[in-house]
Amino acid sequence: MKILFYVLPILAGVAMTIQAGVNSQLRIVLNNPLLAAFISFITGTAALGLLLLFSKKTIPSLSVYAATDWYNLTGGLLGAFFVMVVILTVRQIGTANLFALIIAGQFLTALVFDHYGLLGFKINPVTVQKLIGILLLISGAYLVNRK
């Protein structure tokens, strides 16, 4: 079962690449990147709503939401930013270039968040091996984007 924790992120990467293409096509058809992103989120929200309906999990009371730190509620905004950036840039720079840059940004941010234990992540200090890996990834992003 532990293999699922390695397979699911790979499938998420596949889904992100497909999502970029689908949303980009929708932008072309609608000639409106904001509307394309809105439709993307509406369909995702509807799918999650259906899952919630059939889930056996209880929904917390309003007091739980009121006690939540404000930044814990910004995931949707960050997701909207991500989708908009993808919709606006994928046709200009290509899918491989786009995701090489996204991955470089993810790894740099993850390295800092892990090192300092930000947002509740387990502290996982930066090592020379990790720095070399990050440098190789950034170099790879550069090479993928080089003309």
N, C-alpha and C. Protein backbone atom coordinates (compact mmCIF):
# COMPACT_ATOMS: atom_id res chain seq x y z
N MET A 1 0.82 -1.20 0.00
CA MET A 1 0.00 0.00 0.00
C MET A 1 0.86 1.27 0.00
N LYS A 2 2.07 1.18 0.57
CA LYS A 2 2.95 2.34 0.62
C LYS A 2 3.32 2.83 -0.78
N ILE A 3 3.32 1.96 -1.76
CA ILE A 3 3.64 2.36 -3.13
C ILE A 3 2.65 3.39 -3.66
N LEU A 4 1.43 3.35 -3.14
CA LEU A 4 0.41 4.32 -3.54
C LEU A 4 0.87 5.75 -3.27
N PHE A 5 1.64 5.95 -2.19
CA PHE A 5 2.13 7.28 -1.84
C PHE A 5 3.21 7.75 -2.82
N TYR A 6 3.73 6.86 -3.63
CA TYR A 6 4.69 7.24 -4.66
C TYR A 6 4.03 7.33 -6.03
N VAL A 7 3.02 6.51 -6.26
CA VAL A 7 2.32 6.50 -7.54
C VAL A 7 1.38 7.70 -7.66
N LEU A 8 0.66 8.02 -6.59
CA LEU A 8 -0.30 9.13 -6.65
C LEU A 8 0.34 10.46 -7.04
N PRO A 9 1.50 10.85 -6.49
CA PRO A 9 2.11 12.10 -6.95
C PRO A 9 2.50 12.08 -8.43
N ILE A 10 2.91 10.93 -8.92
CA ILE A 10 3.22 10.83 -10.35
C ILE A 10 1.95 11.05 -11.16
N LEU A 11 0.86 10.42 -10.72
CA LEU A 11 -0.42 10.61 -11.41
C LEU A 11 -0.89 12.06 -11.31
N ALA A 12 -0.62 12.72 -10.18
CA ALA A 12 -0.97 14.13 -10.04
C ALA A 12 -0.17 14.97 -11.04
N GLY A 13 1.08 14.62 -11.25
CA GLY A 13 1.89 15.32 -12.26
C GLY A 13 1.33 15.12 -13.66
N VAL A 14 0.91 13.90 -13.95
CA VAL A 14 0.27 13.62 -15.25
C VAL A 14 -1.00 14.46 -15.38
N ALA A 15 -1.80 14.48 -14.31
CA ALA A 15 -3.06 15.24 -14.33
C ALA A 15 -2.80 16.73 -14.53
N MET A 16 -1.76 17.27 -13.88
CA MET A 16 -1.44 18.70 -14.03
C MET A 16 -1.08 19.03 -15.47
N THR A 17 -0.34 18.16 -16.13
CA THR A 17 0.05 18.41 -17.50
C THR A 17 -1.17 18.35 -18.42
N ILE A 18 -2.03 17.37 -18.21
CA ILE A 18 -3.25 17.27 -19.00
C ILE A 18 -4.14 18.48 -18.72
N GLN A 19 -4.25 18.86 -17.45
CA GLN A 19 -5.06 20.02 -17.08
C GLN A 19 -4.57 21.28 -17.80
N ALA A 20 -3.27 21.45 -17.90
CA ALA A 20 -2.73 22.62 -18.59
C ALA A 20 -3.20 22.66 -20.03
N GLY A 21 -3.17 21.52 -20.70
CA GLY A 21 -3.61 21.47 -22.09
C GLY A 21 -5.09 21.69 -22.24
N VAL A 22 -5.87 21.06 -21.37
CA VAL A 22 -7.33 21.18 -21.43
C VAL A 22 -7.74 22.64 -21.17
N ASN A 23 -7.18 23.24 -20.12
CA ASN A 23 -7.53 24.62 -19.79
C ASN A 23 -7.05 25.59 -20.87
N SER A 24 -5.92 25.30 -21.47
CA SER A 24 -5.42 26.14 -22.56
C SER A 24 -6.35 26.08 -23.77
N GLN A 25 -6.83 24.88 -24.07
CA GLN A 25 -7.79 24.74 -25.18
C GLN A 25 -9.08 25.48 -24.87
N LEU A 26 -9.53 25.39 -23.63
CA LEU A 26 -10.76 26.09 -23.22
C LEU A 26 -10.57 27.60 -23.35
N ARG A 27 -9.40 28.08 -23.00
CA ARG A 27 -9.11 29.51 -23.15
C ARG A 27 -9.23 29.93 -24.60
N ILE A 28 -8.71 29.12 -25.51
CA ILE A 28 -8.78 29.45 -26.94
C ILE A 28 -10.23 29.47 -27.42
N VAL A 29 -10.99 28.45 -27.05
CA VAL A 29 -12.39 28.36 -27.47
C VAL A 29 -13.19 29.56 -26.94
N LEU A 30 -12.99 29.90 -25.67
CA LEU A 30 -13.76 30.97 -25.04
C LEU A 30 -13.16 32.36 -25.27
N ASN A 31 -11.88 32.38 -25.66
CA ASN A 31 -11.14 33.63 -25.84
C ASN A 31 -11.17 34.47 -24.55
N ASN A 32 -11.07 33.77 -23.41
CA ASN A 32 -11.14 34.45 -22.13
C ASN A 32 -10.45 33.60 -21.07
N PRO A 33 -9.22 33.96 -20.66
CA PRO A 33 -8.51 33.13 -19.68
C PRO A 33 -9.18 33.09 -18.31
N LEU A 34 -9.78 34.19 -17.88
CA LEU A 34 -10.46 34.19 -16.58
C LEU A 34 -11.66 33.26 -16.58
N LEU A 35 -12.44 33.29 -17.65
CA LEU A 35 -13.60 32.41 -17.74
C LEU A 35 -13.16 30.95 -17.80
N ALA A 36 -12.08 30.68 -18.52
CA ALA A 36 -11.57 29.30 -18.59
C ALA A 36 -11.15 28.82 -17.20
N ALA A 37 -10.46 29.67 -16.44
CA ALA A 37 -10.05 29.30 -15.08
C ALA A 37 -11.28 29.12 -14.19
N PHE A 38 -12.26 30.00 -14.33
CA PHE A 38 -13.49 29.91 -13.54
C PHE A 38 -14.21 28.59 -13.80
N ILE A 39 -14.35 28.23 -15.05
CA ILE A 39 -15.01 26.96 -15.40
C ILE A 39 -14.22 25.79 -14.84
N SER A 40 -12.89 25.86 -14.89
CA SER A 40 -12.05 24.81 -14.33
C SER A 40 -12.34 24.63 -12.84
N PHE A 41 -12.44 25.74 -12.12
CA PHE A 41 -12.70 25.65 -10.69
C PHE A 41 -14.12 25.25 -10.39
N ILE A 42 -15.08 25.68 -11.21
CA ILE A 42 -16.47 25.28 -10.99
C ILE A 42 -16.62 23.76 -11.14
N THR A 43 -16.00 23.19 -12.18
CA THR A 43 -16.13 21.74 -12.37
C THR A 43 -15.41 20.99 -11.24
N GLY A 44 -14.27 21.51 -10.81
CA GLY A 44 -13.57 20.89 -9.68
C GLY A 44 -14.36 21.00 -8.39
N THR A 45 -14.98 22.16 -8.18
CA THR A 45 -15.80 22.36 -6.99
C THR A 45 -17.01 21.43 -7.00
N ALA A 46 -17.62 21.28 -8.16
CA ALA A 46 -18.77 20.37 -8.27
C ALA A 46 -18.36 18.94 -7.95
N ALA A 47 -17.21 18.52 -8.47
CA ALA A 47 -16.73 17.16 -8.20
C ALA A 47 -16.46 16.96 -6.71
N LEU A 48 -15.82 17.94 -6.09
CA LEU A 48 -15.55 17.85 -4.65
C LEU A 48 -16.84 17.88 -3.84
N GLY A 49 -17.80 18.67 -4.30
CA GLY A 49 -19.10 18.73 -3.63
C GLY A 49 -19.78 17.37 -3.63
N LEU A 50 -19.72 16.70 -4.77
CA LEU A 50 -20.31 15.35 -4.85
C LEU A 50 -19.59 14.38 -3.92
N LEU A 51 -18.27 14.46 -3.89
CA LEU A 51 -17.51 13.60 -2.98
C LEU A 51 -17.88 13.87 -1.52
N LEU A 52 -18.04 15.15 -1.18
CA LEU A 52 -18.44 15.50 0.19
C LEU A 52 -19.82 14.94 0.52
N LEU A 53 -20.73 15.02 -0.44
CA LEU A 53 -22.09 14.51 -0.23
C LEU A 53 -22.09 13.04 0.14
N PHE A 54 -21.23 12.27 -0.52
CA PHE A 54 -21.21 10.84 -0.31
C PHE A 54 -20.16 10.39 0.71
N SER A 55 -19.44 11.35 1.27
CA SER A 55 -18.43 11.05 2.26
C SER A 55 -19.08 10.82 3.62
N LYS A 56 -18.46 10.01 4.41
CA LYS A 56 -18.96 9.75 5.75
C LYS A 56 -18.32 10.70 6.78
N LYS A 57 -17.48 11.62 6.30
CA LYS A 57 -16.82 12.58 7.19
C LYS A 57 -17.81 13.66 7.61
N THR A 58 -17.70 14.09 8.87
CA THR A 58 -18.56 15.17 9.34
C THR A 58 -17.98 16.51 8.93
N ILE A 59 -18.85 17.49 8.75
CA ILE A 59 -18.43 18.84 8.40
C ILE A 59 -18.34 19.63 9.70
N PRO A 60 -17.22 20.31 9.93
CA PRO A 60 -17.03 21.04 11.19
C PRO A 60 -18.03 22.19 11.34
N SER A 61 -18.22 22.62 12.57
CA SER A 61 -19.10 23.75 12.85
C SER A 61 -18.41 25.06 12.43
N LEU A 62 -19.18 26.12 12.33
CA LEU A 62 -18.64 27.42 11.92
C LEU A 62 -17.56 27.92 12.88
N SER A 63 -17.64 27.55 14.14
CA SER A 63 -16.63 28.00 15.12
C SER A 63 -15.25 27.46 14.77
N VAL A 64 -15.18 26.30 14.16
CA VAL A 64 -13.89 25.73 13.75
C VAL A 64 -13.27 26.61 12.67
N TYR A 65 -14.08 27.04 11.72
CA TYR A 65 -13.58 27.91 10.65
C TYR A 65 -13.13 29.25 11.21
N ALA A 66 -13.89 29.78 12.17
CA ALA A 66 -13.57 31.07 12.77
C ALA A 66 -12.24 31.01 13.52
N ALA A 67 -11.90 29.86 14.07
CA ALA A 67 -10.67 29.70 14.83
C ALA A 67 -9.46 29.37 13.94
N THR A 68 -9.70 29.21 12.65
CA THR A 68 -8.62 28.86 11.72
C THR A 68 -7.83 30.10 11.35
N ASP A 69 -6.50 29.98 11.30
CA ASP A 69 -5.66 31.10 10.84
C ASP A 69 -6.04 31.46 9.41
N TRP A 70 -6.06 32.74 9.11
CA TRP A 70 -6.51 33.24 7.82
C TRP A 70 -5.76 32.60 6.65
N TYR A 71 -4.46 32.41 6.80
CA TYR A 71 -3.67 31.88 5.69
C TYR A 71 -4.01 30.43 5.36
N ASN A 72 -4.64 29.72 6.29
CA ASN A 72 -5.06 28.35 6.00
C ASN A 72 -6.24 28.30 5.02
N LEU A 73 -6.84 29.43 4.78
CA LEU A 73 -7.98 29.50 3.86
C LEU A 73 -7.58 30.04 2.48
N THR A 74 -6.29 30.18 2.23
CA THR A 74 -5.83 30.77 0.97
C THR A 74 -5.48 29.74 -0.11
N GLY A 75 -5.68 28.47 0.17
CA GLY A 75 -5.34 27.43 -0.81
C GLY A 75 -6.05 27.62 -2.14
N GLY A 76 -7.31 27.99 -2.10
CA GLY A 76 -8.06 28.21 -3.33
C GLY A 76 -7.50 29.38 -4.13
N LEU A 77 -7.08 30.44 -3.43
CA LEU A 77 -6.48 31.59 -4.11
C LEU A 77 -5.17 31.19 -4.78
N LEU A 78 -4.37 30.39 -4.06
CA LEU A 78 -3.11 29.92 -4.63
C LEU A 78 -3.37 29.00 -5.82
N GLY A 79 -4.40 28.17 -5.71
CA GLY A 79 -4.77 27.30 -6.83
C GLY A 79 -5.24 28.11 -8.02
N ALA A 80 -6.02 29.17 -7.77
CA ALA A 80 -6.49 30.03 -8.86
C ALA A 80 -5.30 30.73 -9.53
N PHE A 81 -4.35 31.20 -8.72
CA PHE A 81 -3.15 31.82 -9.28
C PHE A 81 -2.40 30.83 -10.16
N PHE A 82 -2.23 29.60 -9.65
CA PHE A 82 -1.53 28.58 -10.41
C PHE A 82 -2.22 28.31 -11.75
N VAL A 83 -3.52 28.10 -11.72
CA VAL A 83 -4.27 27.80 -12.95
C VAL A 83 -4.18 28.97 -13.93
N MET A 84 -4.30 30.20 -13.43
CA MET A 84 -4.21 31.36 -14.32
C MET A 84 -2.82 31.47 -14.95
N VAL A 85 -1.78 31.26 -14.15
CA VAL A 85 -0.41 31.31 -14.69
C VAL A 85 -0.24 30.27 -15.79
N VAL A 86 -0.72 29.07 -15.55
CA VAL A 86 -0.61 28.00 -16.54
C VAL A 86 -1.37 28.38 -17.81
N ILE A 87 -2.60 28.84 -17.65
CA ILE A 87 -3.42 29.20 -18.81
C ILE A 87 -2.76 30.32 -19.61
N LEU A 88 -2.16 31.28 -18.92
CA LEU A 88 -1.56 32.42 -19.62
C LEU A 88 -0.21 32.13 -20.24
N THR A 89 0.51 31.13 -19.74
CA THR A 89 1.89 30.93 -20.21
C THR A 89 2.14 29.67 -21.03
N VAL A 90 1.32 28.65 -20.89
CA VAL A 90 1.65 27.35 -21.50
C VAL A 90 1.77 27.44 -23.02
N ARG A 91 0.93 28.20 -23.67
CA ARG A 91 1.01 28.32 -25.12
C ARG A 91 2.20 29.15 -25.57
N GLN A 92 2.67 30.02 -24.69
CA GLN A 92 3.80 30.89 -25.04
C GLN A 92 5.14 30.17 -24.90
N ILE A 93 5.27 29.36 -23.86
CA ILE A 93 6.59 28.74 -23.60
C ILE A 93 6.59 27.23 -23.75
N GLY A 94 5.42 26.61 -23.87
CA GLY A 94 5.34 25.16 -24.03
C GLY A 94 5.23 24.44 -22.69
N THR A 95 4.69 23.25 -22.76
CA THR A 95 4.41 22.47 -21.55
C THR A 95 5.68 22.06 -20.81
N ALA A 96 6.67 21.54 -21.52
CA ALA A 96 7.90 21.10 -20.85
C ALA A 96 8.60 22.27 -20.18
N ASN A 97 8.68 23.40 -20.88
CA ASN A 97 9.32 24.59 -20.29
C ASN A 97 8.55 25.05 -19.06
N LEU A 98 7.23 25.12 -19.18
CA LEU A 98 6.39 25.56 -18.08
C LEU A 98 6.61 24.69 -16.84
N PHE A 99 6.52 23.39 -17.01
CA PHE A 99 6.61 22.52 -15.84
C PHE A 99 8.03 22.39 -15.31
N ALA A 100 9.03 22.57 -16.14
CA ALA A 100 10.40 22.61 -15.63
C ALA A 100 10.56 23.79 -14.68
N LEU A 101 10.01 24.95 -15.06
CA LEU A 101 10.09 26.13 -14.20
C LEU A 101 9.25 25.96 -12.94
N ILE A 102 8.06 25.38 -13.09
CA ILE A 102 7.20 25.14 -11.93
C ILE A 102 7.91 24.21 -10.94
N ILE A 103 8.49 23.15 -11.44
CA ILE A 103 9.18 22.19 -10.57
C ILE A 103 10.37 22.84 -9.88
N ALA A 104 11.12 23.69 -10.60
CA ALA A 104 12.24 24.40 -9.98
C ALA A 104 11.73 25.27 -8.83
N GLY A 105 10.63 26.00 -9.07
CA GLY A 105 10.05 26.83 -8.02
C GLY A 105 9.54 26.01 -6.85
N GLN A 106 8.94 24.87 -7.15
CA GLN A 106 8.44 23.98 -6.09
C GLN A 106 9.58 23.47 -5.23
N PHE A 107 10.67 23.04 -5.87
CA PHE A 107 11.78 22.48 -5.10
C PHE A 107 12.46 23.53 -4.25
N LEU A 108 12.65 24.73 -4.78
CA LEU A 108 13.27 25.78 -3.97
C LEU A 108 12.40 26.11 -2.76
N THR A 109 11.10 26.25 -2.99
CA THR A 109 10.19 26.55 -1.88
C THR A 109 10.14 25.40 -0.88
N ALA A 110 10.06 24.18 -1.38
CA ALA A 110 10.00 23.00 -0.51
C ALA A 110 11.26 22.89 0.34
N LEU A 111 12.40 23.21 -0.24
CA LEU A 111 13.67 23.15 0.50
C LEU A 111 13.63 24.11 1.69
N VAL A 112 13.17 25.32 1.47
CA VAL A 112 13.08 26.32 2.54
C VAL A 112 12.04 25.90 3.59
N PHE A 113 10.85 25.47 3.12
CA PHE A 113 9.79 25.08 4.05
C PHE A 113 10.21 23.88 4.89
N ASP A 114 10.86 22.90 4.27
CA ASP A 114 11.33 21.73 5.03
C ASP A 114 12.43 22.11 6.02
N HIS A 115 13.36 22.94 5.58
CA HIS A 115 14.49 23.29 6.44
C HIS A 115 14.02 24.00 7.72
N TYR A 116 13.06 24.89 7.59
CA TYR A 116 12.58 25.67 8.73
C TYR A 116 11.30 25.12 9.36
N GLY A 117 10.73 24.09 8.77
CA GLY A 117 9.50 23.52 9.30
C GLY A 117 8.31 24.48 9.16
N LEU A 118 8.29 25.28 8.10
CA LEU A 118 7.22 26.25 7.91
C LEU A 118 5.89 25.56 7.62
N LEU A 119 4.82 26.21 8.02
CA LEU A 119 3.45 25.72 7.82
C LEU A 119 3.23 24.31 8.38
N GLY A 120 3.96 23.98 9.43
CA GLY A 120 3.74 22.70 10.09
C GLY A 120 4.47 21.51 9.48
N PHE A 121 5.29 21.75 8.47
CA PHE A 121 6.06 20.65 7.90
C PHE A 121 7.10 20.17 8.90
N LYS A 122 7.42 18.90 8.84
CA LYS A 122 8.46 18.33 9.68
C LYS A 122 9.79 18.97 9.27
N ILE A 123 10.58 19.36 10.25
CA ILE A 123 11.89 19.95 9.94
C ILE A 123 12.77 18.88 9.30
N ASN A 124 13.29 19.22 8.16
CA ASN A 124 14.14 18.33 7.38
C ASN A 124 15.27 19.20 6.83
N PRO A 125 16.39 19.28 7.54
CA PRO A 125 17.44 20.25 7.21
C PRO A 125 18.01 20.09 5.79
N VAL A 126 18.47 21.23 5.28
CA VAL A 126 19.14 21.25 3.98
C VAL A 126 20.48 20.54 4.14
N THR A 127 20.81 19.70 3.16
CA THR A 127 22.10 19.02 3.14
C THR A 127 22.80 19.36 1.82
N VAL A 128 24.06 19.06 1.76
CA VAL A 128 24.82 19.29 0.53
C VAL A 128 24.20 18.48 -0.60
N GLN A 129 23.83 17.25 -0.31
CA GLN A 129 23.21 16.38 -1.33
C GLN A 129 21.93 17.03 -1.89
N LYS A 130 21.10 17.58 -1.01
CA LYS A 130 19.87 18.23 -1.46
C LYS A 130 20.19 19.47 -2.29
N LEU A 131 21.17 20.25 -1.85
CA LEU A 131 21.54 21.45 -2.60
C LEU A 131 22.03 21.09 -4.00
N ILE A 132 22.82 20.04 -4.10
CA ILE A 132 23.29 19.59 -5.41
C ILE A 132 22.10 19.15 -6.26
N GLY A 133 21.17 18.41 -5.66
CA GLY A 133 19.97 17.99 -6.38
C GLY A 133 19.16 19.18 -6.89
N ILE A 134 18.97 20.18 -6.04
CA ILE A 134 18.23 21.39 -6.43
C ILE A 134 18.96 22.12 -7.55
N LEU A 135 20.28 22.24 -7.43
CA LEU A 135 21.05 22.90 -8.49
C LEU A 135 20.94 22.15 -9.81
N LEU A 136 20.94 20.83 -9.74
CA LEU A 136 20.77 20.04 -10.96
C LEU A 136 19.38 20.25 -11.56
N LEU A 137 18.37 20.31 -10.70
CA LEU A 137 17.00 20.55 -11.19
C LEU A 137 16.88 21.93 -11.82
N ILE A 138 17.44 22.94 -11.18
CA ILE A 138 17.39 24.29 -11.73
C ILE A 138 18.19 24.35 -13.04
N SER A 139 19.32 23.66 -13.07
CA SER A 139 20.09 23.59 -14.31
C SER A 139 19.28 22.90 -15.40
N GLY A 140 18.56 21.86 -15.02
CA GLY A 140 17.69 21.18 -15.98
C GLY A 140 16.60 22.10 -16.49
N ALA A 141 15.99 22.88 -15.59
CA ALA A 141 14.96 23.83 -16.01
C ALA A 141 15.55 24.85 -16.98
N TYR A 142 16.77 25.30 -16.69
CA TYR A 142 17.44 26.24 -17.59
C TYR A 142 17.68 25.60 -18.96
N LEU A 143 18.17 24.36 -18.97
CA LEU A 143 18.46 23.69 -20.24
C LEU A 143 17.17 23.42 -21.03
N VAL A 144 16.11 23.05 -20.35
CA VAL A 144 14.83 22.82 -21.03
C VAL A 144 14.32 24.10 -21.67
N ASN A 145 14.54 25.25 -21.00
CA ASN A 145 14.02 26.52 -21.49
C ASN A 145 14.98 27.26 -22.42
N ARG A 146 16.20 26.78 -22.52
CA ARG A 146 17.20 27.44 -23.37
C ARG A 146 16.82 27.28 -24.84
N LYS A 147 16.95 28.34 -25.54
CA LYS A 147 16.64 28.33 -26.99
C LYS A 147 17.84 27.96 -27.81
